[in-house]
Amino acid sequence: MKPGLYHRPDAPVEKKRLKSGVTKYLFSFVLMLIFTAIAFYLVAFPKFDTQTTFWIILIAAIIQAVLQLFTFMHLDQKGYGTVIVIMIFAIVIASVSAVGIVLM
């Protein structure tokens, strides 16, 4: 058996990869908590008008959705290009449909 064919659990590359993965998850989770706290704060203590608060919360929700898709659903890995394109296409169709329904 060749030396490079078996798995060595003590390899430094694996430990580094594991640490960076955990760091990525924690960083993304903390960002999501911050955006949620901002949304709760804006609703609990209204400092802006209703329309400004709506847009700030909407932008925070979109950022959270993107973070969840790429961090926890692993869309940042190879082979998910088609899935991302289909999801963007579905979001565009849903947005156009929602605007059309509102304007009717």
C-alpha atoms as a PDB file:
ATOM      1  CA  MET A   1       0.000   0.000   0.000  1.00  0.00           C
ATOM      2  CA  LYS A   2       1.364   3.407  -0.921  1.00  0.00           C
ATOM      3  CA  PRO A   3       1.855   5.876   1.947  1.00  0.00           C
ATOM      4  CA  GLY A   4      -0.467   8.533   0.496  1.00  0.00           C
ATOM      5  CA  LEU A   5      -3.495   6.274   0.067  1.00  0.00           C
ATOM      6  CA  TYR A   6      -4.597   5.860   3.654  1.00  0.00           C
ATOM      7  CA  HIS A   7      -6.291   8.433   5.859  1.00  0.00           C
ATOM      8  CA  ARG A   8      -4.274   9.946   8.689  1.00  0.00           C
ATOM      9  CA  PRO A   9      -6.587  11.653  11.217  1.00  0.00           C
ATOM     10  CA  ASP A  10      -3.663  13.550  12.752  1.00  0.00           C
ATOM     11  CA  ALA A  11      -2.795  15.320   9.491  1.00  0.00           C
ATOM     12  CA  PRO A  12      -2.424  19.102   9.987  1.00  0.00           C
ATOM     13  CA  VAL A  13      -4.394  19.878   6.827  1.00  0.00           C
ATOM     14  CA  GLU A  14      -7.541  18.272   8.273  1.00  0.00           C
ATOM     15  CA  LYS A  15      -7.235  20.185  11.538  1.00  0.00           C
ATOM     16  CA  LYS A  16      -6.794  23.467   9.689  1.00  0.00           C
ATOM     17  CA  ARG A  17      -9.804  22.739   7.458  1.00  0.00           C
ATOM     18  CA  LEU A  18     -11.950  21.841  10.456  1.00  0.00           C
ATOM     19  CA  LYS A  19     -10.958  24.999  12.294  1.00  0.00           C
ATOM     20  CA  SER A  20     -11.711  27.231   9.311  1.00  0.00           C
ATOM     21  CA  GLY A  21     -15.102  25.520   8.819  1.00  0.00           C
ATOM     22  CA  VAL A  22     -16.088  26.083  12.437  1.00  0.00           C
ATOM     23  CA  THR A  23     -14.884  29.676  12.232  1.00  0.00           C
ATOM     24  CA  LYS A  24     -16.974  30.226   9.098  1.00  0.00           C
ATOM     25  CA  TYR A  25     -20.087  28.822  10.785  1.00  0.00           C
ATOM     26  CA  LEU A  26     -19.593  30.858  13.947  1.00  0.00           C
ATOM     27  CA  PHE A  27     -18.898  34.083  12.035  1.00  0.00           C
ATOM     28  CA  SER A  28     -21.993  33.599   9.893  1.00  0.00           C
ATOM     29  CA  PHE A  29     -24.126  32.724  12.927  1.00  0.00           C
ATOM     30  CA  VAL A  30     -22.957  35.822  14.811  1.00  0.00           C
ATOM     31  CA  LEU A  31     -23.742  38.003  11.778  1.00  0.00           C
ATOM     32  CA  MET A  32     -27.250  36.523  11.624  1.00  0.00           C
ATOM     33  CA  LEU A  33     -27.758  37.227  15.319  1.00  0.00           C
ATOM     34  CA  ILE A  34     -26.644  40.835  14.810  1.00  0.00           C
ATOM     35  CA  PHE A  35     -29.055  41.337  11.892  1.00  0.00           C
ATOM     36  CA  THR A  36     -31.887  39.811  13.933  1.00  0.00           C
ATOM     37  CA  ALA A  37     -31.070  42.070  16.881  1.00  0.00           C
ATOM     38  CA  ILE A  38     -31.105  45.101  14.557  1.00  0.00           C
ATOM     39  CA  ALA A  39     -34.557  44.099  13.249  1.00  0.00           C
ATOM     40  CA  PHE A  40     -35.924  43.630  16.777  1.00  0.00           C
ATOM     41  CA  TYR A  41     -34.439  46.952  17.875  1.00  0.00           C
ATOM     42  CA  LEU A  42     -35.974  48.798  14.913  1.00  0.00           C
ATOM     43  CA  VAL A  43     -39.407  47.389  15.698  1.00  0.00           C
ATOM     44  CA  ALA A  44     -39.211  47.858  19.470  1.00  0.00           C
ATOM     45  CA  PHE A  45     -37.782  51.395  19.400  1.00  0.00           C
ATOM     46  CA  PRO A  46     -38.988  53.124  16.229  1.00  0.00           C
ATOM     47  CA  LYS A  47     -36.468  55.827  15.348  1.00  0.00           C
ATOM     48  CA  PHE A  48     -37.214  55.933  11.606  1.00  0.00           C
ATOM     49  CA  ASP A  49     -40.392  56.219   9.613  1.00  0.00           C
ATOM     50  CA  THR A  50     -42.212  53.027   8.650  1.00  0.00           C
ATOM     51  CA  GLN A  51     -40.881  52.865   5.103  1.00  0.00           C
ATOM     52  CA  THR A  52     -37.231  53.254   6.134  1.00  0.00           C
ATOM     53  CA  THR A  53     -37.638  50.605   8.830  1.00  0.00           C
ATOM     54  CA  PHE A  54     -39.219  48.264   6.270  1.00  0.00           C
ATOM     55  CA  TRP A  55     -36.303  48.625   3.854  1.00  0.00           C
ATOM     56  CA  ILE A  56     -33.660  48.160   6.555  1.00  0.00           C
ATOM     57  CA  ILE A  57     -35.367  44.988   7.789  1.00  0.00           C
ATOM     58  CA  LEU A  58     -35.824  43.718   4.219  1.00  0.00           C
ATOM     59  CA  ILE A  59     -32.127  44.224   3.407  1.00  0.00           C
ATOM     60  CA  ALA A  60     -31.132  42.493   6.655  1.00  0.00           C
ATOM     61  CA  ALA A  61     -33.452  39.564   5.808  1.00  0.00           C
ATOM     62  CA  ILE A  62     -31.962  39.217   2.322  1.00  0.00           C
ATOM     63  CA  ILE A  63     -28.428  39.211   3.749  1.00  0.00           C
ATOM     64  CA  GLN A  64     -29.469  36.566   6.286  1.00  0.00           C
ATOM     65  CA  ALA A  65     -31.017  34.388   3.585  1.00  0.00           C
ATOM     66  CA  VAL A  66     -27.854  34.559   1.475  1.00  0.00           C
ATOM     67  CA  LEU A  67     -25.684  33.761   4.507  1.00  0.00           C
ATOM     68  CA  GLN A  68     -27.847  30.751   5.346  1.00  0.00           C
ATOM     69  CA  LEU A  69     -27.817  29.444   1.792  1.00  0.00           C
ATOM     70  CA  PHE A  70     -24.070  29.693   1.354  1.00  0.00           C
ATOM     71  CA  THR A  71     -23.031  28.749   4.893  1.00  0.00           C
ATOM     72  CA  PHE A  72     -25.485  26.110   6.098  1.00  0.00           C
ATOM     73  CA  MET A  73     -26.794  24.795   2.751  1.00  0.00           C
ATOM     74  CA  HIS A  74     -23.207  24.625   1.370  1.00  0.00           C
ATOM     75  CA  LEU A  75     -23.960  26.392  -1.909  1.00  0.00           C
ATOM     76  CA  ASP A  76     -20.407  27.741  -1.926  1.00  0.00           C
ATOM     77  CA  GLN A  77     -19.031  24.297  -2.788  1.00  0.00           C
ATOM     78  CA  LYS A  78     -18.296  23.062  -6.297  1.00  0.00           C
ATOM     79  CA  GLY A  79     -21.109  21.610  -8.364  1.00  0.00           C
ATOM     80  CA  TYR A  80     -23.904  23.888  -7.195  1.00  0.00           C
ATOM     81  CA  GLY A  81     -23.748  26.422 -10.025  1.00  0.00           C
ATOM     82  CA  THR A  82     -26.873  25.081 -11.689  1.00  0.00           C
ATOM     83  CA  VAL A  83     -28.772  25.111  -8.406  1.00  0.00           C
ATOM     84  CA  ILE A  84     -27.808  28.746  -7.794  1.00  0.00           C
ATOM     85  CA  VAL A  85     -28.908  29.774 -11.305  1.00  0.00           C
ATOM     86  CA  ILE A  86     -32.267  27.993 -10.875  1.00  0.00           C
ATOM     87  CA  MET A  87     -32.788  29.637  -7.476  1.00  0.00           C
ATOM     88  CA  ILE A  88     -32.032  33.106  -8.894  1.00  0.00           C
ATOM     89  CA  PHE A  89     -34.440  32.435 -11.767  1.00  0.00           C
ATOM     90  CA  ALA A  90     -37.138  31.340  -9.295  1.00  0.00           C
ATOM     91  CA  ILE A  91     -36.596  34.460  -7.165  1.00  0.00           C
ATOM     92  CA  VAL A  92     -36.965  36.685 -10.244  1.00  0.00           C
ATOM     93  CA  ILE A  93     -40.184  34.932 -11.282  1.00  0.00           C
ATOM     94  CA  ALA A  94     -41.577  35.140  -7.738  1.00  0.00           C
ATOM     95  CA  SER A  95     -40.688  38.842  -7.503  1.00  0.00           C
ATOM     96  CA  VAL A  96     -42.317  39.679 -10.837  1.00  0.00           C
ATOM     97  CA  SER A  97     -45.410  37.678  -9.838  1.00  0.00           C
ATOM     98  CA  ALA A  98     -45.661  39.408  -6.461  1.00  0.00           C
ATOM     99  CA  VAL A  99     -45.342  42.877  -8.017  1.00  0.00           C
ATOM    100  CA  GLY A 100     -47.927  41.927 -10.624  1.00  0.00           C
ATOM    101  CA  ILE A 101     -50.383  40.742  -7.980  1.00  0.00           C
ATOM    102  CA  VAL A 102     -49.888  43.913  -5.930  1.00  0.00           C
ATOM    103  CA  LEU A 103     -50.439  46.154  -8.954  1.00  0.00           C
ATOM    104  CA  MET A 104     -53.652  44.379 -10.060  1.00  0.00           C
END
